[in-house]
Amino acid sequence: MQNSLQNKSPVRGSFITFEGTEGAGKSTQIAYVKAFLEAQGIDVVTTREPGGTPLGESVRELLLTKEMSQMTELLLMFAARAEHIAKVILPAMKAGKWVLCDRFTESSYAYQGYARGLPLSDIEALEQLVQGDLRPDCTFWFNLPVVEGMKRVQSRGKKDRFEAENIHFFEKVSAGFEALSQARPTQFCVIDAMAPIDQVTDAILKKIESLPAYQARGGDDER
């Protein structure tokens, strides 16, 4: 039976995801990208994973605060993702909007796969089941030294369940993102998250302006 969430028809919007270890600065840059796109007359939806829907936010609370098995963690991530795709991502894209998402399936590979050690084949199967043909048009990976990321998180105060993991865990997460960026080079855009904020923004916007979905609408390159 064909998965009901599969999206084989063309969509008019664009789907951009932002990935990285903790403290990489994704949220700041998402806000800048949103402002830039809206200034070009593009309708933008910003969202996050886990979360993005009322159900997803409830699942997020469980994932960030409750101890659970590794497989439970993975399945909850994809349950929230299924709801997110059906209720937010696909409707927005079909309406011609650009979706900017803080984390997506690549985080499941990096955190639950490479760091937790769950079989990548299981994640691949869930990815196909839940997403069908849906893949990000572009994934920005904020490449940040693990030690620097942990310093930034430390300055925030209280940590959630993932932020409280040790350096070895985050080294595996970072290695996972590195492997994904090499396996999916046309999807990934690697960002030096140690660069000054304005340089990071410029690098992201330069890539945004090169995307077919942006060029197809005759976007103004002046910033």
C-alpha atoms as a PDB file:
ATOM      1  CA  MET A   1       0.000   0.000   0.000  1.00  0.00           C
ATOM      2  CA  GLN A   2       1.343   3.432  -0.919  1.00  0.00           C
ATOM      3  CA  ASN A   3       2.146   5.563   2.095  1.00  0.00           C
ATOM      4  CA  SER A   4      -0.472   8.301   2.461  1.00  0.00           C
ATOM      5  CA  LEU A   5       2.235  10.878   3.187  1.00  0.00           C
ATOM      6  CA  GLN A   6       4.105  10.315  -0.052  1.00  0.00           C
ATOM      7  CA  ASN A   7       4.248  13.416  -2.186  1.00  0.00           C
ATOM      8  CA  LYS A   8       4.875  12.499  -5.798  1.00  0.00           C
ATOM      9  CA  SER A   9       3.291  15.599  -7.330  1.00  0.00           C
ATOM     10  CA  PRO A  10       5.363  18.755  -7.843  1.00  0.00           C
ATOM     11  CA  VAL A  11       5.295  21.347  -5.088  1.00  0.00           C
ATOM     12  CA  ARG A  12       5.643  25.096  -5.520  1.00  0.00           C
ATOM     13  CA  GLY A  13       7.348  26.021  -2.277  1.00  0.00           C
ATOM     14  CA  SER A  14      10.769  25.115  -0.955  1.00  0.00           C
ATOM     15  CA  PHE A  15      11.944  23.103   2.034  1.00  0.00           C
ATOM     16  CA  ILE A  16      15.137  24.225   3.780  1.00  0.00           C
ATOM     17  CA  THR A  17      16.535  22.529   6.877  1.00  0.00           C
ATOM     18  CA  PHE A  18      19.164  23.608   9.391  1.00  0.00           C
ATOM     19  CA  GLU A  19      21.311  21.032  11.188  1.00  0.00           C
ATOM     20  CA  GLY A  20      24.161  20.942  13.659  1.00  0.00           C
ATOM     21  CA  THR A  21      25.235  19.985  17.137  1.00  0.00           C
ATOM     22  CA  GLU A  22      24.058  21.928  20.182  1.00  0.00           C
ATOM     23  CA  GLY A  23      25.005  25.605  20.315  1.00  0.00           C
ATOM     24  CA  ALA A  24      25.729  25.948  16.600  1.00  0.00           C
ATOM     25  CA  GLY A  25      23.621  29.093  16.102  1.00  0.00           C
ATOM     26  CA  LYS A  26      20.850  27.686  13.916  1.00  0.00           C
ATOM     27  CA  SER A  27      17.999  29.639  15.493  1.00  0.00           C
ATOM     28  CA  THR A  28      19.703  32.994  14.955  1.00  0.00           C
ATOM     29  CA  GLN A  29      20.323  32.306  11.282  1.00  0.00           C
ATOM     30  CA  ILE A  30      16.814  30.971  10.659  1.00  0.00           C
ATOM     31  CA  ALA A  31      15.466  34.331  11.836  1.00  0.00           C
ATOM     32  CA  TYR A  32      17.794  36.181   9.427  1.00  0.00           C
ATOM     33  CA  VAL A  33      16.849  33.946   6.490  1.00  0.00           C
ATOM     34  CA  LYS A  34      13.156  34.404   7.245  1.00  0.00           C
ATOM     35  CA  ALA A  35      13.529  38.196   7.247  1.00  0.00           C
ATOM     36  CA  PHE A  36      15.479  38.108   3.978  1.00  0.00           C
ATOM     37  CA  LEU A  37      12.958  35.913   2.171  1.00  0.00           C
ATOM     38  CA  GLU A  38       9.980  37.912   3.407  1.00  0.00           C
ATOM     39  CA  ALA A  39      11.661  41.082   2.139  1.00  0.00           C
ATOM     40  CA  GLN A  40      11.647  39.407  -1.282  1.00  0.00           C
ATOM     41  CA  GLY A  41       7.895  38.834  -1.021  1.00  0.00           C
ATOM     42  CA  ILE A  42       8.181  35.125  -0.193  1.00  0.00           C
ATOM     43  CA  ASP A  43       5.776  33.584   2.310  1.00  0.00           C
ATOM     44  CA  VAL A  44       7.793  31.758   4.975  1.00  0.00           C
ATOM     45  CA  VAL A  45       6.930  29.195   7.634  1.00  0.00           C
ATOM     46  CA  THR A  46       9.487  28.574  10.381  1.00  0.00           C
ATOM     47  CA  THR A  47       9.197  25.390  12.376  1.00  0.00           C
ATOM     48  CA  ARG A  48      11.267  22.886  14.332  1.00  0.00           C
ATOM     49  CA  GLU A  49      11.795  19.238  15.152  1.00  0.00           C
ATOM     50  CA  PRO A  50      10.889  17.578  17.291  1.00  0.00           C
ATOM     51  CA  GLY A  51       7.802  19.754  17.477  1.00  0.00           C
ATOM     52  CA  GLY A  52       6.075  21.989  14.987  1.00  0.00           C
ATOM     53  CA  THR A  53       2.552  20.841  15.862  1.00  0.00           C
ATOM     54  CA  PRO A  54       0.638  20.578  19.158  1.00  0.00           C
ATOM     55  CA  LEU A  55       1.201  16.818  19.155  1.00  0.00           C
ATOM     56  CA  GLY A  56       4.826  17.248  18.140  1.00  0.00           C
ATOM     57  CA  GLU A  57       5.484  19.734  20.936  1.00  0.00           C
ATOM     58  CA  SER A  58       4.066  17.256  23.464  1.00  0.00           C
ATOM     59  CA  VAL A  59       6.381  14.586  22.080  1.00  0.00           C
ATOM     60  CA  ARG A  60       9.261  17.073  22.237  1.00  0.00           C
ATOM     61  CA  GLU A  61       8.672  17.548  25.957  1.00  0.00           C
ATOM     62  CA  LEU A  62       8.894  13.787  26.479  1.00  0.00           C
ATOM     63  CA  LEU A  63      12.033  13.467  24.372  1.00  0.00           C
ATOM     64  CA  LEU A  64      13.862  16.284  26.138  1.00  0.00           C
ATOM     65  CA  THR A  65      12.952  15.361  29.706  1.00  0.00           C
ATOM     66  CA  LYS A  66      12.141  11.638  30.084  1.00  0.00           C
ATOM     67  CA  GLU A  67      14.493   8.677  30.043  1.00  0.00           C
ATOM     68  CA  MET A  68      13.592   6.074  27.420  1.00  0.00           C
ATOM     69  CA  SER A  69      15.082   3.326  25.310  1.00  0.00           C
ATOM     70  CA  GLN A  70      16.989   4.269  22.183  1.00  0.00           C
ATOM     71  CA  MET A  71      14.394   2.692  19.897  1.00  0.00           C
ATOM     72  CA  THR A  72      11.552   4.467  21.706  1.00  0.00           C
ATOM     73  CA  GLU A  73      13.406   7.734  21.166  1.00  0.00           C
ATOM     74  CA  LEU A  74      13.755   7.064  17.441  1.00  0.00           C
ATOM     75  CA  LEU A  75      10.135   6.023  16.973  1.00  0.00           C
ATOM     76  CA  LEU A  76       8.840   9.052  18.871  1.00  0.00           C
ATOM     77  CA  MET A  77      10.949  11.286  16.632  1.00  0.00           C
ATOM     78  CA  PHE A  78       9.388   9.805  13.518  1.00  0.00           C
ATOM     79  CA  ALA A  79       5.870   9.808  14.974  1.00  0.00           C
ATOM     80  CA  ALA A  80       6.188  13.543  15.593  1.00  0.00           C
ATOM     81  CA  ARG A  81       7.721  13.933  12.121  1.00  0.00           C
ATOM     82  CA  ALA A  82       4.796  12.186  10.428  1.00  0.00           C
ATOM     83  CA  GLU A  83       2.390  14.643  12.055  1.00  0.00           C
ATOM     84  CA  HIS A  84       4.669  17.561  11.225  1.00  0.00           C
ATOM     85  CA  ILE A  85       4.865  16.648   7.547  1.00  0.00           C
ATOM     86  CA  ALA A  86       1.133  16.068   7.212  1.00  0.00           C
ATOM     87  CA  LYS A  87      -0.033  19.128   9.143  1.00  0.00           C
ATOM     88  CA  VAL A  88       2.641  21.760   8.480  1.00  0.00           C
ATOM     89  CA  ILE A  89       5.348  21.035   5.921  1.00  0.00           C
ATOM     90  CA  LEU A  90       3.416  19.668   2.948  1.00  0.00           C
ATOM     91  CA  PRO A  91       0.441  22.053   3.263  1.00  0.00           C
ATOM     92  CA  ALA A  92       2.817  25.027   3.395  1.00  0.00           C
ATOM     93  CA  MET A  93       4.823  23.875   0.389  1.00  0.00           C
ATOM     94  CA  LYS A  94       1.701  23.161  -1.636  1.00  0.00           C
ATOM     95  CA  ALA A  95       0.574  26.709  -0.865  1.00  0.00           C
ATOM     96  CA  GLY A  96       3.824  28.024  -2.361  1.00  0.00           C
ATOM     97  CA  LYS A  97       5.468  28.855   0.955  1.00  0.00           C
ATOM     98  CA  TRP A  98       9.066  28.289   1.942  1.00  0.00           C
ATOM     99  CA  VAL A  99       9.523  26.094   5.009  1.00  0.00           C
ATOM    100  CA  LEU A 100      12.555  26.739   7.224  1.00  0.00           C
ATOM    101  CA  CYS A 101      12.927  23.834   9.633  1.00  0.00           C
ATOM    102  CA  ASP A 102      15.253  23.671  12.637  1.00  0.00           C
ATOM    103  CA  ARG A 103      16.331  19.991  12.382  1.00  0.00           C
ATOM    104  CA  PHE A 104      14.825  17.195  10.328  1.00  0.00           C
ATOM    105  CA  THR A 105      15.606  13.551   9.545  1.00  0.00           C
ATOM    106  CA  GLU A 106      19.328  14.196   9.229  1.00  0.00           C
ATOM    107  CA  SER A 107      19.338  14.769  12.992  1.00  0.00           C
ATOM    108  CA  SER A 108      17.784  11.336  13.462  1.00  0.00           C
ATOM    109  CA  TYR A 109      20.646   9.809  11.510  1.00  0.00           C
ATOM    110  CA  ALA A 110      23.259  11.790  13.463  1.00  0.00           C
ATOM    111  CA  TYR A 111      21.810  11.466  16.966  1.00  0.00           C
ATOM    112  CA  GLN A 112      19.929   8.169  17.014  1.00  0.00           C
ATOM    113  CA  GLY A 113      22.029   6.470  14.333  1.00  0.00           C
ATOM    114  CA  TYR A 114      25.645   7.543  14.561  1.00  0.00           C
ATOM    115  CA  ALA A 115      25.620   8.586  18.242  1.00  0.00           C
ATOM    116  CA  ARG A 116      23.146   6.137  19.804  1.00  0.00           C
ATOM    117  CA  GLY A 117      24.226   3.300  17.544  1.00  0.00           C
ATOM    118  CA  LEU A 118      20.851   2.298  16.097  1.00  0.00           C
ATOM    119  CA  PRO A 119      21.025   0.659  12.648  1.00  0.00           C
ATOM    120  CA  LEU A 120      21.065   3.216   9.856  1.00  0.00           C
ATOM    121  CA  SER A 121      18.945   0.801   7.832  1.00  0.00           C
ATOM    122  CA  ASP A 122      16.142   1.183  10.391  1.00  0.00           C
ATOM    123  CA  ILE A 123      16.284   4.962  10.033  1.00  0.00           C
ATOM    124  CA  GLU A 124      16.306   4.666   6.246  1.00  0.00           C
ATOM    125  CA  ALA A 125      13.184   2.491   6.392  1.00  0.00           C
ATOM    126  CA  LEU A 126      11.394   4.987   8.644  1.00  0.00           C
ATOM    127  CA  GLU A 127      12.492   7.864   6.432  1.00  0.00           C
ATOM    128  CA  GLN A 128      10.896   6.225   3.406  1.00  0.00           C
ATOM    129  CA  LEU A 129       7.757   5.194   5.291  1.00  0.00           C
ATOM    130  CA  VAL A 130       7.103   8.606   6.818  1.00  0.00           C
ATOM    131  CA  GLN A 131       8.428  10.953   4.135  1.00  0.00           C
ATOM    132  CA  GLY A 132       7.915   9.154   0.865  1.00  0.00           C
ATOM    133  CA  ASP A 133       9.587  11.358  -1.743  1.00  0.00           C
ATOM    134  CA  LEU A 134       9.910  14.412   0.508  1.00  0.00           C
ATOM    135  CA  ARG A 135      13.518  15.539   0.983  1.00  0.00           C
ATOM    136  CA  PRO A 136      14.931  18.968   1.828  1.00  0.00           C
ATOM    137  CA  ASP A 137      15.875  21.156  -1.134  1.00  0.00           C
ATOM    138  CA  CYS A 138      18.867  22.264   0.896  1.00  0.00           C
ATOM    139  CA  THR A 139      20.288  21.330   4.287  1.00  0.00           C
ATOM    140  CA  PHE A 140      22.595  23.797   6.006  1.00  0.00           C
ATOM    141  CA  TRP A 141      24.959  21.972   8.338  1.00  0.00           C
ATOM    142  CA  PHE A 142      26.466  24.301  10.928  1.00  0.00           C
ATOM    143  CA  ASN A 143      29.876  22.719  11.422  1.00  0.00           C
ATOM    144  CA  LEU A 144      31.087  23.668  14.887  1.00  0.00           C
ATOM    145  CA  PRO A 145      33.868  22.142  17.011  1.00  0.00           C
ATOM    146  CA  VAL A 146      32.222  20.032  19.690  1.00  0.00           C
ATOM    147  CA  VAL A 147      34.075  21.722  22.544  1.00  0.00           C
ATOM    148  CA  GLU A 148      32.895  25.156  21.390  1.00  0.00           C
ATOM    149  CA  GLY A 149      29.307  23.942  21.134  1.00  0.00           C
ATOM    150  CA  MET A 150      29.410  22.559  24.655  1.00  0.00           C
ATOM    151  CA  LYS A 151      30.776  25.883  25.949  1.00  0.00           C
ATOM    152  CA  ARG A 152      27.890  27.739  24.325  1.00  0.00           C
ATOM    153  CA  VAL A 153      25.322  25.340  25.782  1.00  0.00           C
ATOM    154  CA  GLN A 154      26.917  25.635  29.226  1.00  0.00           C
ATOM    155  CA  SER A 155      26.322  29.388  29.167  1.00  0.00           C
ATOM    156  CA  ARG A 156      22.574  28.859  28.708  1.00  0.00           C
ATOM    157  CA  GLY A 157      22.106  27.300  32.135  1.00  0.00           C
ATOM    158  CA  LYS A 158      19.898  24.239  32.621  1.00  0.00           C
ATOM    159  CA  LYS A 159      20.385  21.537  29.992  1.00  0.00           C
ATOM    160  CA  ASP A 160      17.829  19.208  28.421  1.00  0.00           C
ATOM    161  CA  ARG A 161      18.396  15.451  28.071  1.00  0.00           C
ATOM    162  CA  PHE A 162      20.351  15.779  24.830  1.00  0.00           C
ATOM    163  CA  GLU A 163      22.387  18.828  25.844  1.00  0.00           C
ATOM    164  CA  ALA A 164      23.500  16.930  28.962  1.00  0.00           C
ATOM    165  CA  GLU A 165      25.237  14.215  26.910  1.00  0.00           C
ATOM    166  CA  ASN A 166      29.043  13.965  27.097  1.00  0.00           C
ATOM    167  CA  ILE A 167      31.654  15.083  24.603  1.00  0.00           C
ATOM    168  CA  HIS A 168      32.059  11.601  23.136  1.00  0.00           C
ATOM    169  CA  PHE A 169      28.366  11.542  22.235  1.00  0.00           C
ATOM    170  CA  PHE A 170      28.597  14.864  20.421  1.00  0.00           C
ATOM    171  CA  GLU A 171      31.772  13.820  18.633  1.00  0.00           C
ATOM    172  CA  LYS A 172      29.753  10.935  17.182  1.00  0.00           C
ATOM    173  CA  VAL A 173      26.916  13.312  16.270  1.00  0.00           C
ATOM    174  CA  SER A 174      29.350  15.604  14.485  1.00  0.00           C
ATOM    175  CA  ALA A 175      30.921  12.655  12.674  1.00  0.00           C
ATOM    176  CA  GLY A 176      27.430  11.618  11.616  1.00  0.00           C
ATOM    177  CA  PHE A 177      26.696  14.993  10.069  1.00  0.00           C
ATOM    178  CA  GLU A 178      30.077  14.889   8.330  1.00  0.00           C
ATOM    179  CA  ALA A 179      29.270  11.479   6.850  1.00  0.00           C
ATOM    180  CA  LEU A 180      25.836  12.657   5.731  1.00  0.00           C
ATOM    181  CA  SER A 181      27.273  15.765   4.093  1.00  0.00           C
ATOM    182  CA  GLN A 182      29.609  13.562   2.075  1.00  0.00           C
ATOM    183  CA  ALA A 183      26.885  11.061   1.177  1.00  0.00           C
ATOM    184  CA  ARG A 184      24.426  13.794   0.135  1.00  0.00           C
ATOM    185  CA  PRO A 185      26.633  16.521  -1.360  1.00  0.00           C
ATOM    186  CA  THR A 186      23.932  18.069  -3.548  1.00  0.00           C
ATOM    187  CA  GLN A 187      21.636  18.471  -0.535  1.00  0.00           C
ATOM    188  CA  PHE A 188      24.137  19.669   2.074  1.00  0.00           C
ATOM    189  CA  CYS A 189      25.704  23.104   2.334  1.00  0.00           C
ATOM    190  CA  VAL A 190      28.422  23.120   4.992  1.00  0.00           C
ATOM    191  CA  ILE A 191      28.609  26.305   7.062  1.00  0.00           C
ATOM    192  CA  ASP A 192      31.586  27.310   9.212  1.00  0.00           C
ATOM    193  CA  ALA A 193      29.752  28.045  12.452  1.00  0.00           C
ATOM    194  CA  MET A 194      32.914  29.526  13.995  1.00  0.00           C
ATOM    195  CA  ALA A 195      32.825  32.431  11.533  1.00  0.00           C
ATOM    196  CA  PRO A 196      31.387  35.812  12.598  1.00  0.00           C
ATOM    197  CA  ILE A 197      27.591  35.910  12.506  1.00  0.00           C
ATOM    198  CA  ASP A 198      27.423  38.279   9.533  1.00  0.00           C
ATOM    199  CA  GLN A 199      29.723  36.036   7.500  1.00  0.00           C
ATOM    200  CA  VAL A 200      27.602  33.006   8.339  1.00  0.00           C
ATOM    201  CA  THR A 201      24.506  34.894   7.209  1.00  0.00           C
ATOM    202  CA  ASP A 202      26.163  35.950   3.946  1.00  0.00           C
ATOM    203  CA  ALA A 203      27.193  32.357   3.178  1.00  0.00           C
ATOM    204  CA  ILE A 204      23.667  31.093   3.796  1.00  0.00           C
ATOM    205  CA  LEU A 205      21.974  33.799   1.736  1.00  0.00           C
ATOM    206  CA  LYS A 206      24.407  33.268  -1.128  1.00  0.00           C
ATOM    207  CA  LYS A 207      23.360  29.621  -1.226  1.00  0.00           C
ATOM    208  CA  ILE A 208      19.664  30.531  -0.924  1.00  0.00           C
ATOM    209  CA  GLU A 209      19.983  32.840  -3.927  1.00  0.00           C
ATOM    210  CA  SER A 210      21.462  30.000  -5.988  1.00  0.00           C
ATOM    211  CA  LEU A 211      18.584  27.595  -5.353  1.00  0.00           C
ATOM    212  CA  PRO A 212      16.345  26.849  -8.371  1.00  0.00           C
ATOM    213  CA  ALA A 213      13.223  27.727  -6.387  1.00  0.00           C
ATOM    214  CA  TYR A 214      14.628  31.188  -5.645  1.00  0.00           C
ATOM    215  CA  GLN A 215      15.934  31.855  -9.139  1.00  0.00           C
ATOM    216  CA  ALA A 216      12.686  30.651 -10.714  1.00  0.00           C
ATOM    217  CA  ARG A 217      10.806  33.507  -9.104  1.00  0.00           C
ATOM    218  CA  GLY A 218      13.269  36.115 -10.352  1.00  0.00           C
ATOM    219  CA  GLY A 219      14.530  37.002  -6.896  1.00  0.00           C
ATOM    220  CA  ASP A 220      16.368  40.288  -6.412  1.00  0.00           C
ATOM    221  CA  ASP A 221      20.003  39.522  -5.684  1.00  0.00           C
ATOM    222  CA  GLU A 222      20.667  42.852  -3.996  1.00  0.00           C
ATOM    223  CA  ARG A 223      20.951  42.689  -0.206  1.00  0.00           C
END
